[in-house]
């Protein structure tokens, strides 16, 4: 592991990001009128899913197993979602909070992978995994189309943040500066997608299919 990259988030920011992801998972279960056990499971899987897969793939210790605060944070968020009115969480506030978590964790995942000696291209993918896989797990568990199956700019924003973080490190910028610039770019793209409903064009099918 390269100590110069120092891939460590401030604890408060780290727990906040995990809590935002966990809240989106818990709310999915609550909106489906599931039990509290289901809400807690959704919260944990959404909160730590991306980071868990990243750590397993790069050979690092799974982060939340060694952190005494992560699992209780996910449980507390599930309790919050369970005992508060659903109308409190309607609107785009959670989307904007999720956008911040997505961009920060895409960058963090990339820098952590680079610190563990992963080459640049796979490290970028690890950033995308960190930012997106929790949401994919949430959607699969909820039985709805995952973010991979929707045209909205979500994975693309994570990929932008991850790629810029890797580029900054490769060009010799400090980890903190690379992190800040890349996270800002990812958040800006995701925010634009939220505000203007931006999405990628869908494939129209094979040419000549209507003449078959």
N, C-alpha and C. Protein backbone atom coordinates (compact mmCIF):
# COMPACT_ATOMS: atom_id res chain seq x y z
N UNK A 1 0.85 -1.20 0.00
CA UNK A 1 0.00 0.00 0.00
C UNK A 1 0.88 1.25 0.00
N UNK A 2 0.56 2.20 -0.85
CA UNK A 2 1.34 3.43 -0.97
C UNK A 2 0.88 4.43 0.09
N UNK A 3 1.71 4.71 1.10
CA UNK A 3 1.28 5.63 2.16
C UNK A 3 1.14 7.06 1.68
N UNK A 4 1.76 7.41 0.56
CA UNK A 4 1.68 8.78 0.07
C UNK A 4 0.27 9.15 -0.38
N UNK A 5 -0.49 8.16 -0.83
CA UNK A 5 -1.85 8.46 -1.27
C UNK A 5 -2.79 8.69 -0.09
N UNK A 6 -2.51 8.03 1.04
CA UNK A 6 -3.27 8.23 2.27
C UNK A 6 -4.78 8.23 2.03
N UNK A 7 -5.34 7.10 1.57
CA UNK A 7 -6.76 7.07 1.21
C UNK A 7 -7.66 6.93 2.44
N UNK A 8 -7.73 7.98 3.25
CA UNK A 8 -8.55 7.95 4.46
C UNK A 8 -9.47 9.15 4.46
N UNK A 9 -10.77 8.89 4.55
CA UNK A 9 -11.74 9.97 4.68
C UNK A 9 -11.81 10.43 6.14
N UNK A 10 -12.04 11.72 6.39
CA UNK A 10 -12.34 12.14 7.75
C UNK A 10 -13.52 11.34 8.28
N UNK A 11 -13.46 10.85 9.52
CA UNK A 11 -14.52 9.97 10.03
C UNK A 11 -15.92 10.52 9.88
N UNK A 12 -16.12 11.81 10.16
CA UNK A 12 -17.46 12.38 10.07
C UNK A 12 -17.99 12.33 8.64
N UNK A 13 -17.14 12.67 7.66
CA UNK A 13 -17.56 12.63 6.26
C UNK A 13 -17.82 11.19 5.83
N UNK A 14 -16.97 10.28 6.27
CA UNK A 14 -17.13 8.87 5.93
C UNK A 14 -18.47 8.34 6.42
N UNK A 15 -18.78 8.58 7.69
CA UNK A 15 -20.04 8.07 8.25
C UNK A 15 -21.24 8.77 7.63
N UNK A 16 -21.09 10.05 7.29
CA UNK A 16 -22.20 10.75 6.64
C UNK A 16 -22.51 10.14 5.28
N UNK A 17 -21.47 9.88 4.50
CA UNK A 17 -21.68 9.27 3.19
C UNK A 17 -22.32 7.90 3.29
N UNK A 18 -21.84 7.09 4.23
CA UNK A 18 -22.42 5.76 4.43
C UNK A 18 -23.88 5.90 4.86
N UNK A 19 -24.15 6.87 5.74
CA UNK A 19 -25.52 7.07 6.24
C UNK A 19 -26.47 7.46 5.11
N UNK A 20 -26.00 8.30 4.18
CA UNK A 20 -26.86 8.71 3.06
C UNK A 20 -27.21 7.51 2.20
N UNK A 21 -26.22 6.70 1.86
CA UNK A 21 -26.49 5.51 1.07
C UNK A 21 -27.41 4.55 1.83
N UNK A 22 -27.13 4.37 3.13
CA UNK A 22 -27.95 3.47 3.94
C UNK A 22 -29.39 3.96 4.03
N UNK A 23 -29.57 5.28 4.12
CA UNK A 23 -30.92 5.83 4.20
C UNK A 23 -31.71 5.53 2.93
N UNK A 24 -31.07 5.64 1.79
CA UNK A 24 -31.78 5.33 0.54
C UNK A 24 -32.23 3.88 0.51
N UNK A 25 -31.40 2.99 1.06
CA UNK A 25 -31.79 1.58 1.13
C UNK A 25 -32.92 1.35 2.10
N UNK A 26 -32.84 1.93 3.28
CA UNK A 26 -33.89 1.75 4.28
C UNK A 26 -35.22 2.31 3.77
N UNK A 27 -35.18 3.47 3.11
CA UNK A 27 -36.41 4.07 2.60
C UNK A 27 -37.05 3.22 1.51
N UNK A 28 -36.23 2.53 0.73
CA UNK A 28 -36.79 1.62 -0.28
C UNK A 28 -37.63 0.54 0.39
N UNK A 29 -37.11 -0.01 1.48
CA UNK A 29 -37.85 -1.06 2.19
C UNK A 29 -39.10 -0.50 2.85
N UNK A 30 -38.98 0.69 3.44
CA UNK A 30 -40.13 1.31 4.10
C UNK A 30 -41.23 1.61 3.10
N UNK A 31 -40.87 2.15 1.94
CA UNK A 31 -41.86 2.46 0.93
C UNK A 31 -42.55 1.22 0.38
N UNK A 32 -41.87 0.07 0.49
CA UNK A 32 -42.47 -1.20 0.08
C UNK A 32 -43.25 -1.86 1.22
N UNK A 33 -43.31 -1.18 2.39
CA UNK A 33 -44.02 -1.66 3.57
C UNK A 33 -43.45 -3.00 4.06
N UNK A 34 -42.14 -3.06 4.10
CA UNK A 34 -41.46 -4.26 4.59
C UNK A 34 -41.22 -4.14 6.10
N UNK A 35 -40.71 -5.20 6.71
CA UNK A 35 -40.45 -5.22 8.14
C UNK A 35 -39.20 -4.39 8.46
N UNK A 36 -39.02 -4.13 9.76
CA UNK A 36 -37.83 -3.39 10.16
C UNK A 36 -36.57 -4.18 9.87
N UNK A 37 -36.63 -5.50 10.01
CA UNK A 37 -35.46 -6.33 9.70
C UNK A 37 -35.05 -6.13 8.25
N UNK A 38 -36.04 -6.09 7.36
CA UNK A 38 -35.74 -5.85 5.95
C UNK A 38 -35.15 -4.47 5.74
N UNK A 39 -35.70 -3.47 6.42
CA UNK A 39 -35.18 -2.11 6.29
C UNK A 39 -33.74 -2.03 6.76
N UNK A 40 -33.42 -2.70 7.88
CA UNK A 40 -32.06 -2.69 8.39
C UNK A 40 -31.11 -3.39 7.43
N UNK A 41 -31.56 -4.50 6.85
CA UNK A 41 -30.72 -5.23 5.89
C UNK A 41 -30.47 -4.39 4.65
N UNK A 42 -31.53 -3.73 4.14
CA UNK A 42 -31.37 -2.85 2.99
C UNK A 42 -30.38 -1.73 3.30
N UNK A 43 -30.50 -1.16 4.49
CA UNK A 43 -29.61 -0.06 4.88
C UNK A 43 -28.16 -0.52 4.89
N UNK A 44 -27.90 -1.67 5.48
CA UNK A 44 -26.52 -2.16 5.57
C UNK A 44 -25.97 -2.49 4.19
N UNK A 45 -26.74 -3.21 3.37
CA UNK A 45 -26.24 -3.61 2.06
C UNK A 45 -26.00 -2.41 1.15
N UNK A 46 -26.89 -1.41 1.24
CA UNK A 46 -26.71 -0.22 0.42
C UNK A 46 -25.54 0.63 0.92
N UNK A 47 -25.41 0.71 2.24
CA UNK A 47 -24.36 1.54 2.81
C UNK A 47 -22.96 1.02 2.59
N UNK A 48 -22.78 -0.30 2.65
CA UNK A 48 -21.42 -0.86 2.60
C UNK A 48 -21.17 -1.75 1.40
N UNK A 49 -22.18 -1.95 0.54
CA UNK A 49 -22.05 -2.91 -0.55
C UNK A 49 -20.91 -2.60 -1.50
N UNK A 50 -20.83 -1.35 -1.97
CA UNK A 50 -19.79 -0.99 -2.93
C UNK A 50 -18.39 -1.09 -2.34
N UNK A 51 -18.22 -0.57 -1.13
CA UNK A 51 -16.90 -0.63 -0.48
C UNK A 51 -16.48 -2.05 -0.14
N UNK A 52 -17.45 -2.89 0.20
CA UNK A 52 -17.13 -4.29 0.51
C UNK A 52 -16.60 -5.01 -0.72
N UNK A 53 -17.31 -4.86 -1.84
CA UNK A 53 -16.87 -5.52 -3.06
C UNK A 53 -15.50 -4.99 -3.49
N UNK A 54 -15.30 -3.68 -3.39
CA UNK A 54 -13.99 -3.10 -3.73
C UNK A 54 -12.88 -3.72 -2.90
N UNK A 55 -13.07 -3.77 -1.58
CA UNK A 55 -12.01 -4.29 -0.70
C UNK A 55 -11.72 -5.76 -0.98
N UNK A 56 -12.76 -6.53 -1.27
CA UNK A 56 -12.55 -7.94 -1.59
C UNK A 56 -11.76 -8.10 -2.88
N UNK A 57 -12.05 -7.25 -3.87
CA UNK A 57 -11.39 -7.36 -5.17
C UNK A 57 -9.93 -6.90 -5.13
N UNK A 58 -9.62 -5.89 -4.31
CA UNK A 58 -8.24 -5.39 -4.28
C UNK A 58 -7.41 -6.05 -3.19
N UNK A 59 -8.02 -6.92 -2.40
CA UNK A 59 -7.27 -7.62 -1.37
C UNK A 59 -7.05 -6.84 -0.09
N UNK A 60 -7.87 -5.83 0.15
CA UNK A 60 -7.76 -5.03 1.38
C UNK A 60 -8.70 -5.59 2.45
N UNK A 61 -8.43 -5.35 3.72
CA UNK A 61 -9.39 -5.73 4.77
C UNK A 61 -10.72 -5.02 4.54
N UNK A 62 -11.82 -5.74 4.67
CA UNK A 62 -13.14 -5.13 4.45
C UNK A 62 -13.35 -4.04 5.50
N UNK A 63 -13.57 -2.83 5.00
CA UNK A 63 -13.47 -1.63 5.85
C UNK A 63 -14.42 -1.63 7.04
N UNK A 64 -15.65 -2.06 6.85
CA UNK A 64 -16.63 -1.90 7.93
C UNK A 64 -16.53 -2.99 8.98
N UNK A 65 -15.84 -4.07 8.67
CA UNK A 65 -15.62 -5.12 9.66
C UNK A 65 -14.71 -4.62 10.77
N UNK A 66 -13.79 -3.71 10.43
CA UNK A 66 -12.82 -3.20 11.40
C UNK A 66 -13.24 -1.85 12.00
N UNK A 67 -14.36 -1.31 11.56
CA UNK A 67 -14.81 -0.01 12.06
C UNK A 67 -16.05 -0.22 12.92
N UNK A 68 -15.94 0.10 14.19
CA UNK A 68 -17.02 -0.19 15.12
C UNK A 68 -18.25 0.71 14.93
N UNK A 69 -18.14 1.75 14.12
CA UNK A 69 -19.24 2.70 13.99
C UNK A 69 -20.10 2.49 12.75
N UNK A 70 -19.61 1.77 11.76
CA UNK A 70 -20.34 1.69 10.48
C UNK A 70 -21.66 0.93 10.63
N UNK A 71 -21.62 -0.28 11.16
CA UNK A 71 -22.85 -1.07 11.30
C UNK A 71 -23.87 -0.38 12.20
N UNK A 72 -23.48 0.18 13.36
CA UNK A 72 -24.46 0.92 14.16
C UNK A 72 -25.04 2.13 13.44
N UNK A 73 -24.23 2.78 12.60
CA UNK A 73 -24.75 3.92 11.83
C UNK A 73 -25.84 3.47 10.87
N UNK A 74 -25.60 2.36 10.19
CA UNK A 74 -26.63 1.83 9.27
C UNK A 74 -27.89 1.44 10.03
N UNK A 75 -27.73 0.84 11.21
CA UNK A 75 -28.89 0.46 12.02
C UNK A 75 -29.65 1.70 12.48
N UNK A 76 -28.92 2.74 12.91
CA UNK A 76 -29.56 3.97 13.35
C UNK A 76 -30.34 4.63 12.22
N UNK A 77 -29.78 4.60 11.02
CA UNK A 77 -30.46 5.18 9.86
C UNK A 77 -31.73 4.39 9.55
N UNK A 78 -31.66 3.07 9.67
CA UNK A 78 -32.85 2.26 9.45
C UNK A 78 -33.95 2.60 10.46
N UNK A 79 -33.56 2.82 11.71
CA UNK A 79 -34.53 3.25 12.73
C UNK A 79 -35.14 4.60 12.38
N UNK A 80 -34.30 5.51 11.91
CA UNK A 80 -34.78 6.83 11.52
C UNK A 80 -35.82 6.72 10.40
N UNK A 81 -35.49 5.93 9.38
CA UNK A 81 -36.42 5.76 8.26
C UNK A 81 -37.71 5.08 8.71
N UNK A 82 -37.59 4.16 9.64
CA UNK A 82 -38.74 3.38 10.09
C UNK A 82 -39.73 4.22 10.91
N UNK A 83 -39.21 5.13 11.74
CA UNK A 83 -40.06 5.85 12.69
C UNK A 83 -40.40 7.27 12.26
N UNK A 84 -39.98 7.68 11.08
CA UNK A 84 -40.34 9.01 10.59
C UNK A 84 -41.29 8.88 9.41
N UNK A 85 -42.14 9.89 9.20
CA UNK A 85 -43.08 9.83 8.07
C UNK A 85 -42.34 9.80 6.74
N UNK A 86 -42.85 9.00 5.83
CA UNK A 86 -42.22 8.89 4.51
C UNK A 86 -42.19 10.24 3.80
N UNK A 87 -43.21 11.07 4.04
CA UNK A 87 -43.29 12.37 3.35
C UNK A 87 -42.09 13.26 3.67
N UNK A 88 -41.42 12.99 4.80
CA UNK A 88 -40.24 13.79 5.14
C UNK A 88 -39.13 13.63 4.11
N UNK A 89 -39.12 12.49 3.45
CA UNK A 89 -38.00 12.15 2.57
C UNK A 89 -38.36 12.27 1.11
N UNK A 90 -39.55 12.81 0.83
CA UNK A 90 -39.93 12.99 -0.56
C UNK A 90 -39.28 14.25 -1.13
N UNK A 91 -39.21 14.33 -2.43
CA UNK A 91 -38.52 15.44 -3.07
C UNK A 91 -37.09 15.05 -3.43
N UNK A 92 -36.28 16.04 -3.69
CA UNK A 92 -34.95 15.78 -4.24
C UNK A 92 -33.82 15.96 -3.22
N UNK A 93 -34.14 16.22 -1.96
CA UNK A 93 -33.09 16.40 -0.97
C UNK A 93 -32.20 15.17 -0.87
N UNK A 94 -32.83 13.99 -0.80
CA UNK A 94 -32.05 12.76 -0.70
C UNK A 94 -31.23 12.51 -1.96
N UNK A 95 -31.79 12.89 -3.11
CA UNK A 95 -31.05 12.73 -4.37
C UNK A 95 -29.76 13.56 -4.37
N UNK A 96 -29.86 14.79 -3.86
CA UNK A 96 -28.68 15.66 -3.82
C UNK A 96 -27.65 15.14 -2.82
N UNK A 97 -28.13 14.64 -1.69
CA UNK A 97 -27.21 14.05 -0.72
C UNK A 97 -26.54 12.81 -1.30
N UNK A 98 -27.32 12.02 -2.02
CA UNK A 98 -26.78 10.82 -2.66
C UNK A 98 -25.74 11.20 -3.71
N UNK A 99 -25.98 12.29 -4.42
CA UNK A 99 -25.02 12.75 -5.44
C UNK A 99 -23.68 13.09 -4.81
N UNK A 100 -23.71 13.71 -3.64
CA UNK A 100 -22.45 14.03 -2.96
C UNK A 100 -21.74 12.76 -2.52
N UNK A 101 -22.50 11.79 -1.98
CA UNK A 101 -21.89 10.53 -1.57
C UNK A 101 -21.32 9.77 -2.75
N UNK A 102 -22.06 9.77 -3.86
CA UNK A 102 -21.61 9.06 -5.07
C UNK A 102 -20.26 9.59 -5.54
N UNK A 103 -20.14 10.90 -5.63
CA UNK A 103 -18.90 11.48 -6.16
C UNK A 103 -17.74 11.27 -5.20
N UNK A 104 -17.96 11.47 -3.92
CA UNK A 104 -16.88 11.31 -2.94
C UNK A 104 -16.39 9.87 -2.89
N UNK A 105 -17.33 8.92 -2.90
CA UNK A 105 -16.91 7.53 -2.77
C UNK A 105 -16.33 6.96 -4.06
N UNK A 106 -16.74 7.50 -5.20
CA UNK A 106 -16.09 7.10 -6.45
C UNK A 106 -14.63 7.50 -6.44
N UNK A 107 -14.36 8.71 -5.94
CA UNK A 107 -12.98 9.18 -5.83
C UNK A 107 -12.22 8.38 -4.79
N UNK A 108 -12.82 8.20 -3.63
CA UNK A 108 -12.17 7.46 -2.55
C UNK A 108 -11.82 6.04 -2.97
N UNK A 109 -12.76 5.38 -3.65
CA UNK A 109 -12.51 4.01 -4.10
C UNK A 109 -11.36 3.92 -5.08
N UNK A 110 -11.26 4.92 -5.97
CA UNK A 110 -10.16 4.95 -6.93
C UNK A 110 -8.82 5.14 -6.24
N UNK A 111 -8.76 6.12 -5.35
CA UNK A 111 -7.50 6.41 -4.67
C UNK A 111 -7.09 5.24 -3.77
N UNK A 112 -8.05 4.60 -3.12
CA UNK A 112 -7.70 3.45 -2.28
C UNK A 112 -7.16 2.31 -3.14
N UNK A 113 -7.78 2.07 -4.30
CA UNK A 113 -7.30 1.00 -5.18
C UNK A 113 -5.88 1.31 -5.67
N UNK A 114 -5.62 2.57 -6.04
CA UNK A 114 -4.27 2.95 -6.46
C UNK A 114 -3.28 2.75 -5.31
N UNK A 115 -3.70 3.07 -4.10
CA UNK A 115 -2.81 2.93 -2.94
C UNK A 115 -2.46 1.46 -2.70
N UNK A 116 -3.34 0.57 -3.09
CA UNK A 116 -3.09 -0.87 -2.92
C UNK A 116 -2.42 -1.49 -4.15
N UNK A 117 -1.92 -0.64 -5.04
CA UNK A 117 -1.14 -1.14 -6.16
C UNK A 117 -1.93 -1.59 -7.36
N UNK A 118 -3.20 -1.22 -7.44
CA UNK A 118 -4.03 -1.59 -8.58
C UNK A 118 -3.70 -0.67 -9.75
N UNK A 119 -3.54 -1.19 -10.98
CA UNK A 119 -3.29 -0.32 -12.14
C UNK A 119 -4.41 0.68 -12.37
N UNK A 120 -4.12 1.69 -13.17
CA UNK A 120 -5.03 2.84 -13.29
C UNK A 120 -6.43 2.44 -13.77
N UNK A 121 -6.52 1.70 -14.87
CA UNK A 121 -7.85 1.38 -15.42
C UNK A 121 -8.70 0.57 -14.44
N UNK A 122 -8.17 -0.52 -13.85
CA UNK A 122 -8.96 -1.23 -12.85
C UNK A 122 -9.27 -0.37 -11.62
N UNK A 123 -8.37 0.53 -11.27
CA UNK A 123 -8.61 1.40 -10.12
C UNK A 123 -9.81 2.32 -10.37
N UNK A 124 -9.93 2.82 -11.60
CA UNK A 124 -11.09 3.63 -11.94
C UNK A 124 -12.37 2.82 -11.80
N UNK A 125 -12.33 1.58 -12.26
CA UNK A 125 -13.50 0.71 -12.13
C UNK A 125 -13.83 0.45 -10.66
N UNK A 126 -12.79 0.35 -9.83
CA UNK A 126 -13.04 0.18 -8.39
C UNK A 126 -13.71 1.41 -7.80
N UNK A 127 -13.39 2.58 -8.34
CA UNK A 127 -14.09 3.78 -7.91
C UNK A 127 -15.57 3.73 -8.27
N UNK A 128 -15.86 3.30 -9.49
CA UNK A 128 -17.25 3.18 -9.92
C UNK A 128 -17.98 2.14 -9.06
N UNK A 129 -17.32 1.03 -8.80
CA UNK A 129 -17.90 -0.01 -7.95
C UNK A 129 -18.23 0.56 -6.57
N UNK A 130 -17.29 1.30 -5.99
CA UNK A 130 -17.50 1.86 -4.66
C UNK A 130 -18.71 2.78 -4.62
N UNK A 131 -18.85 3.60 -5.64
CA UNK A 131 -19.94 4.56 -5.65
C UNK A 131 -21.29 3.99 -6.03
N UNK A 132 -21.32 2.94 -6.84
CA UNK A 132 -22.58 2.50 -7.47
C UNK A 132 -23.13 1.16 -6.99
N UNK A 133 -22.27 0.25 -6.56
CA UNK A 133 -22.75 -1.12 -6.31
C UNK A 133 -23.77 -1.19 -5.18
N UNK A 134 -23.62 -0.34 -4.14
CA UNK A 134 -24.61 -0.34 -3.08
C UNK A 134 -26.00 -0.04 -3.61
N UNK A 135 -26.10 0.95 -4.51
CA UNK A 135 -27.39 1.28 -5.10
C UNK A 135 -27.93 0.17 -6.00
N UNK A 136 -27.02 -0.51 -6.68
CA UNK A 136 -27.45 -1.64 -7.53
C UNK A 136 -28.01 -2.76 -6.66
N UNK A 137 -27.32 -3.07 -5.56
CA UNK A 137 -27.81 -4.09 -4.63
C UNK A 137 -29.19 -3.70 -4.10
N UNK A 138 -29.34 -2.44 -3.71
CA UNK A 138 -30.63 -1.95 -3.20
C UNK A 138 -31.75 -2.18 -4.22
N UNK A 139 -31.49 -1.80 -5.48
CA UNK A 139 -32.53 -1.92 -6.50
C UNK A 139 -32.86 -3.37 -6.81
N UNK A 140 -31.84 -4.23 -6.84
CA UNK A 140 -32.08 -5.65 -7.10
C UNK A 140 -32.90 -6.26 -5.98
N UNK A 141 -32.56 -5.94 -4.73
CA UNK A 141 -33.32 -6.46 -3.59
C UNK A 141 -34.76 -5.96 -3.62
N UNK A 142 -34.95 -4.72 -4.09
CA UNK A 142 -36.29 -4.14 -4.14
C UNK A 142 -37.09 -4.62 -5.36
N UNK A 143 -36.44 -5.35 -6.27
CA UNK A 143 -37.12 -5.87 -7.44
C UNK A 143 -37.48 -4.82 -8.47
N UNK A 144 -36.62 -3.79 -8.60
CA UNK A 144 -36.88 -2.76 -9.59
C UNK A 144 -35.65 -2.60 -10.47
N UNK A 145 -35.80 -1.98 -11.66
CA UNK A 145 -34.64 -1.82 -12.54
C UNK A 145 -33.52 -1.06 -11.84
N UNK A 146 -32.32 -1.58 -11.91
CA UNK A 146 -31.21 -0.96 -11.22
C UNK A 146 -30.75 0.28 -11.98
N UNK A 147 -29.86 1.05 -11.33
CA UNK A 147 -29.33 2.24 -11.97
C UNK A 147 -28.59 1.94 -13.26
N UNK A 148 -28.12 0.71 -13.42
CA UNK A 148 -27.46 0.32 -14.67
C UNK A 148 -28.44 0.22 -15.83
N UNK A 149 -29.71 0.03 -15.52
CA UNK A 149 -30.73 -0.18 -16.54
C UNK A 149 -31.52 1.09 -16.83
N UNK A 150 -31.10 2.20 -16.23
CA UNK A 150 -31.80 3.46 -16.46
C UNK A 150 -30.86 4.43 -17.16
N UNK A 151 -31.39 5.31 -18.03
CA UNK A 151 -30.52 6.18 -18.82
C UNK A 151 -29.94 7.35 -18.04
N UNK A 152 -30.43 7.64 -16.83
CA UNK A 152 -29.98 8.81 -16.10
C UNK A 152 -28.47 8.78 -15.86
N UNK A 153 -27.88 9.96 -15.79
CA UNK A 153 -26.43 10.06 -15.59
C UNK A 153 -26.11 9.83 -14.11
N UNK A 154 -25.83 8.59 -13.79
CA UNK A 154 -25.48 8.21 -12.42
C UNK A 154 -24.13 7.51 -12.43
N UNK A 155 -24.08 6.36 -13.08
CA UNK A 155 -22.81 5.66 -13.22
C UNK A 155 -21.80 6.53 -13.97
N UNK A 156 -22.29 7.28 -14.95
CA UNK A 156 -21.41 8.15 -15.72
C UNK A 156 -20.75 9.21 -14.83
N UNK A 157 -21.50 9.75 -13.89
CA UNK A 157 -20.94 10.74 -12.96
C UNK A 157 -19.88 10.11 -12.08
N UNK A 158 -20.13 8.88 -11.63
CA UNK A 158 -19.13 8.18 -10.82
C UNK A 158 -17.88 7.90 -11.64
N UNK A 159 -18.07 7.51 -12.90
CA UNK A 159 -16.92 7.23 -13.77
C UNK A 159 -16.10 8.48 -14.02
N UNK A 160 -16.76 9.63 -14.20
CA UNK A 160 -16.04 10.88 -14.40
C UNK A 160 -15.20 11.22 -13.17
N UNK A 161 -15.80 11.13 -12.00
CA UNK A 161 -15.07 11.43 -10.78
C UNK A 161 -13.89 10.48 -10.59
N UNK A 162 -14.11 9.20 -10.84
CA UNK A 162 -13.04 8.22 -10.68
C UNK A 162 -11.91 8.45 -11.67
N UNK A 163 -12.26 8.73 -12.92
CA UNK A 163 -11.24 8.94 -13.95
C UNK A 163 -10.41 10.18 -13.67
N UNK A 164 -11.06 11.26 -13.24
CA UNK A 164 -10.32 12.48 -12.93
C UNK A 164 -9.42 12.30 -11.72
N UNK A 165 -9.87 11.53 -10.74
CA UNK A 165 -9.02 11.26 -9.58
C UNK A 165 -7.77 10.50 -9.98
N UNK A 166 -7.95 9.47 -10.82
CA UNK A 166 -6.81 8.69 -11.28
C UNK A 166 -5.88 9.55 -12.14
N UNK A 167 -6.46 10.41 -12.98
CA UNK A 167 -5.64 11.27 -13.83
C UNK A 167 -4.82 12.24 -12.98
N UNK A 168 -5.43 12.79 -11.95
CA UNK A 168 -4.71 13.72 -11.09
C UNK A 168 -3.54 13.07 -10.39
N UNK A 169 -3.76 11.86 -9.87
CA UNK A 169 -2.68 11.14 -9.20
C UNK A 169 -1.58 10.79 -10.19
N UNK A 170 -1.97 10.33 -11.39
CA UNK A 170 -1.00 9.95 -12.41
C UNK A 170 -0.15 11.15 -12.84
N UNK A 171 -0.76 12.32 -12.87
CA UNK A 171 -0.05 13.54 -13.28
C UNK A 171 0.77 14.15 -12.15
N UNK A 172 0.70 13.55 -10.98
CA UNK A 172 1.53 14.01 -9.87
C UNK A 172 0.88 15.02 -8.95
N UNK A 173 -0.42 15.26 -9.10
CA UNK A 173 -1.10 16.14 -8.17
C UNK A 173 -1.23 15.47 -6.81
N UNK A 174 -1.39 16.24 -5.78
CA UNK A 174 -1.57 15.65 -4.45
C UNK A 174 -2.90 14.91 -4.39
N UNK A 175 -2.97 13.94 -3.51
CA UNK A 175 -4.20 13.16 -3.38
C UNK A 175 -5.37 14.05 -2.98
N UNK A 176 -5.13 15.00 -2.07
CA UNK A 176 -6.22 15.85 -1.60
C UNK A 176 -6.75 16.75 -2.71
N UNK A 177 -5.84 17.32 -3.53
CA UNK A 177 -6.28 18.18 -4.63
C UNK A 177 -7.00 17.37 -5.70
N UNK A 178 -6.44 16.22 -6.04
CA UNK A 178 -7.10 15.34 -7.02
C UNK A 178 -8.48 14.96 -6.54
N UNK A 179 -8.57 14.61 -5.27
CA UNK A 179 -9.83 14.21 -4.66
C UNK A 179 -10.86 15.33 -4.78
N UNK A 180 -10.47 16.54 -4.40
CA UNK A 180 -11.41 17.66 -4.40
C UNK A 180 -11.91 17.99 -5.80
N UNK A 181 -11.00 18.09 -6.76
CA UNK A 181 -11.39 18.44 -8.12
C UNK A 181 -12.27 17.36 -8.75
N UNK A 182 -11.89 16.11 -8.55
CA UNK A 182 -12.65 15.00 -9.15
C UNK A 182 -14.03 14.88 -8.53
N UNK A 183 -14.11 14.99 -7.21
CA UNK A 183 -15.41 14.90 -6.54
C UNK A 183 -16.32 16.04 -6.97
N UNK A 184 -15.76 17.24 -7.12
CA UNK A 184 -16.57 18.38 -7.56
C UNK A 184 -17.11 18.16 -8.97
N UNK A 185 -16.28 17.60 -9.85
CA UNK A 185 -16.72 17.34 -11.22
C UNK A 185 -17.82 16.29 -11.25
N UNK A 186 -17.65 15.20 -10.50
CA UNK A 186 -18.68 14.17 -10.46
C UNK A 186 -19.99 14.68 -9.89
N UNK A 187 -19.89 15.48 -8.82
CA UNK A 187 -21.10 16.04 -8.21
C UNK A 187 -21.79 17.00 -9.17
N UNK A 188 -21.01 17.80 -9.89
CA UNK A 188 -21.59 18.75 -10.85
C UNK A 188 -22.35 18.03 -11.95
N UNK A 189 -21.76 16.96 -12.48
CA UNK A 189 -22.44 16.21 -13.54
C UNK A 189 -23.71 15.55 -13.02
N UNK A 190 -23.61 14.93 -11.85
CA UNK A 190 -24.80 14.29 -11.28
C UNK A 190 -25.86 15.33 -10.94
N UNK A 191 -25.43 16.49 -10.42
CA UNK A 191 -26.37 17.55 -10.11
C UNK A 191 -27.07 18.08 -11.35
N UNK A 192 -26.32 18.22 -12.45
CA UNK A 192 -26.94 18.65 -13.70
C UNK A 192 -27.96 17.63 -14.18
N UNK A 193 -27.65 16.35 -14.00
CA UNK A 193 -28.59 15.30 -14.40
C UNK A 193 -29.87 15.36 -13.57
N UNK A 194 -29.72 15.65 -12.27
CA UNK A 194 -30.90 15.76 -11.41
C UNK A 194 -31.74 16.98 -11.81
N UNK A 195 -31.06 18.10 -12.02
CA UNK A 195 -31.78 19.36 -12.28
C UNK A 195 -32.45 19.37 -13.65
N UNK A 196 -31.73 18.89 -14.65
CA UNK A 196 -32.26 18.96 -16.02
C UNK A 196 -32.70 17.60 -16.57
N UNK A 197 -32.74 16.57 -15.72
CA UNK A 197 -33.16 15.23 -16.14
C UNK A 197 -32.34 14.74 -17.33
N UNK A 198 -31.03 14.87 -17.23
CA UNK A 198 -30.15 14.44 -18.31
C UNK A 198 -29.96 12.93 -18.29
N UNK A 199 -29.84 12.34 -19.46
CA UNK A 199 -29.63 10.91 -19.55
C UNK A 199 -28.89 10.55 -20.83
N UNK A 200 -28.41 9.34 -20.88
CA UNK A 200 -27.73 8.85 -22.08
C UNK A 200 -28.76 8.35 -23.09
N UNK A 201 -28.47 8.48 -24.38
CA UNK A 201 -29.41 7.96 -25.39
C UNK A 201 -29.43 6.44 -25.37
N UNK A 202 -30.61 5.89 -25.56
CA UNK A 202 -30.77 4.44 -25.60
C UNK A 202 -30.54 3.92 -27.02
N UNK A 203 -30.13 2.67 -27.13
CA UNK A 203 -29.92 2.06 -28.44
C UNK A 203 -31.26 1.84 -29.11
N UNK A 204 -31.31 2.09 -30.43
CA UNK A 204 -32.58 2.01 -31.17
C UNK A 204 -32.84 0.64 -31.77
N UNK A 205 -31.93 -0.29 -31.55
CA UNK A 205 -32.13 -1.61 -32.11
C UNK A 205 -31.34 -1.79 -33.40
N UNK A 206 -31.22 -3.02 -33.89
CA UNK A 206 -30.43 -3.27 -35.10
C UNK A 206 -31.06 -2.64 -36.33
N UNK A 207 -30.20 -2.18 -37.25
CA UNK A 207 -30.70 -1.59 -38.49
C UNK A 207 -31.45 -2.65 -39.30
N UNK A 208 -32.56 -2.21 -39.82
CA UNK A 208 -33.33 -3.12 -40.67
C UNK A 208 -34.24 -4.06 -39.90
N UNK A 209 -34.29 -3.89 -38.54
CA UNK A 209 -35.13 -4.80 -37.76
C UNK A 209 -36.60 -4.64 -38.13
N UNK A 210 -36.98 -3.39 -38.51
CA UNK A 210 -38.38 -3.17 -38.86
C UNK A 210 -38.72 -3.69 -40.25
N UNK A 211 -37.67 -4.13 -40.97
CA UNK A 211 -37.94 -4.65 -42.31
C UNK A 211 -37.77 -6.18 -42.36
N UNK A 212 -37.51 -6.75 -41.20
CA UNK A 212 -37.30 -8.22 -41.19
C UNK A 212 -38.59 -8.98 -41.47
